[in-house]
Amino acid sequence: MEREYLRDRTLEGHESARNRGKTIGGAGVTDDSMPMALHLRDQEMSLRDITKRLVITTGAKKGRHPSPATVMRMLREHEEQTVTVSAP
């Protein structure tokens, strides 16, 4: 019961922050870095090497490198979108 109460309060806090214009979560990698990430992946570079070459261009983390998890998610989502579009 305590866990549910904590979860509800956390979700209320997130909603309140969004209403004030705050963003929840880390900075995303923008679409302008997608071609570079795809090019580096096609060269069979490791995920860590790809993240070292990408830079976040907007937001509070501007100028920093994205995490490997962010890049992996970005590439996976791109792949899922291409499969969905090309499927009959």
Protein backbone atom coordinates (compact mmCIF):
# COMPACT_ATOMS: atom_id res chain seq x y z
CA MET A 1 0.00 0.00 0.00
CA GLU A 2 2.85 2.38 0.82
CA ARG A 3 4.45 1.66 -2.56
CA GLU A 4 1.24 2.60 -4.37
CA TYR A 5 1.01 5.84 -2.39
CA LEU A 6 4.60 6.73 -3.28
CA ARG A 7 3.99 5.93 -6.95
CA ASP A 8 0.84 8.08 -7.03
CA ARG A 9 2.64 11.02 -5.43
CA THR A 10 5.52 10.70 -7.90
CA LEU A 11 3.16 10.66 -10.87
CA GLU A 12 1.34 13.71 -9.49
CA GLY A 13 4.67 15.51 -9.17
CA HIS A 14 5.58 14.66 -12.77
CA GLU A 15 2.21 15.92 -13.99
CA SER A 16 2.60 19.12 -11.99
CA ALA A 17 6.07 19.67 -13.44
CA ARG A 18 4.81 19.11 -17.00
CA ASN A 19 2.02 21.64 -16.39
CA ARG A 20 4.69 24.18 -15.39
CA GLY A 21 6.57 23.48 -18.64
CA LYS A 22 9.29 21.22 -17.25
CA THR A 23 10.43 18.13 -19.10
CA ILE A 24 10.74 14.78 -17.41
CA GLY A 25 13.62 12.49 -18.34
CA GLY A 26 16.88 12.96 -20.11
CA ALA A 27 17.61 14.85 -23.27
CA GLY A 28 16.76 13.06 -26.45
CA VAL A 29 18.97 12.85 -29.47
CA THR A 30 17.56 15.06 -32.21
CA ASP A 31 16.73 13.95 -35.71
CA ASP A 32 19.68 15.86 -37.16
CA SER A 33 22.09 13.41 -35.51
CA MET A 34 20.24 10.36 -36.84
CA PRO A 35 22.04 10.27 -40.24
CA MET A 36 25.40 10.43 -38.47
CA ALA A 37 24.42 7.62 -36.09
CA LEU A 38 23.21 5.46 -38.98
CA HIS A 39 26.40 6.14 -40.95
CA LEU A 40 28.58 5.18 -37.99
CA ARG A 41 26.52 2.04 -37.37
CA ASP A 42 26.94 1.06 -41.04
CA GLN A 43 30.70 1.34 -40.52
CA GLU A 44 30.26 -1.27 -37.76
CA MET A 45 31.41 1.03 -34.99
CA SER A 46 30.61 0.04 -31.43
CA LEU A 47 27.79 1.73 -29.59
CA ARG A 48 30.22 3.46 -27.24
CA ASP A 49 32.25 4.84 -30.15
CA ILE A 50 29.06 6.14 -31.76
CA THR A 51 28.05 7.95 -28.57
CA LYS A 52 31.48 9.58 -28.33
CA ARG A 53 30.97 11.13 -31.76
CA LEU A 54 27.40 12.36 -31.25
CA VAL A 55 26.66 15.58 -29.36
CA ILE A 56 23.37 16.79 -27.89
CA THR A 57 22.55 20.09 -29.61
CA THR A 58 19.66 21.41 -27.49
CA GLY A 59 18.41 21.49 -23.93
CA ALA A 60 20.11 21.43 -20.56
CA LYS A 61 22.64 18.83 -21.71
CA LYS A 62 23.69 20.78 -24.79
CA GLY A 63 27.25 19.99 -25.79
CA ARG A 64 27.38 16.67 -23.95
CA HIS A 65 27.35 13.16 -25.39
CA PRO A 66 24.21 11.01 -25.19
CA SER A 67 24.26 7.78 -23.23
CA PRO A 68 24.68 4.47 -25.07
CA ALA A 69 21.14 3.51 -23.97
CA THR A 70 19.74 6.66 -25.61
CA VAL A 71 21.52 5.98 -28.88
CA MET A 72 20.50 2.31 -28.83
CA ARG A 73 16.86 3.30 -28.26
CA MET A 74 17.03 5.93 -31.00
CA LEU A 75 18.42 3.42 -33.52
CA ARG A 76 15.89 0.77 -32.52
CA GLU A 77 12.96 3.20 -32.89
CA HIS A 78 14.25 4.29 -36.30
CA GLU A 79 14.51 0.66 -37.37
CA GLU A 80 10.96 -0.08 -36.16
CA GLN A 81 9.62 2.93 -38.08
CA THR A 82 11.33 1.88 -41.29
CA VAL A 83 9.99 -1.67 -40.98
CA THR A 84 6.47 -0.33 -40.34
CA VAL A 85 6.61 2.03 -43.32
CA SER A 86 8.02 -0.56 -45.73
CA ALA A 87 5.62 -3.32 -44.64
CA PRO A 88 2.68 -3.82 -47.01
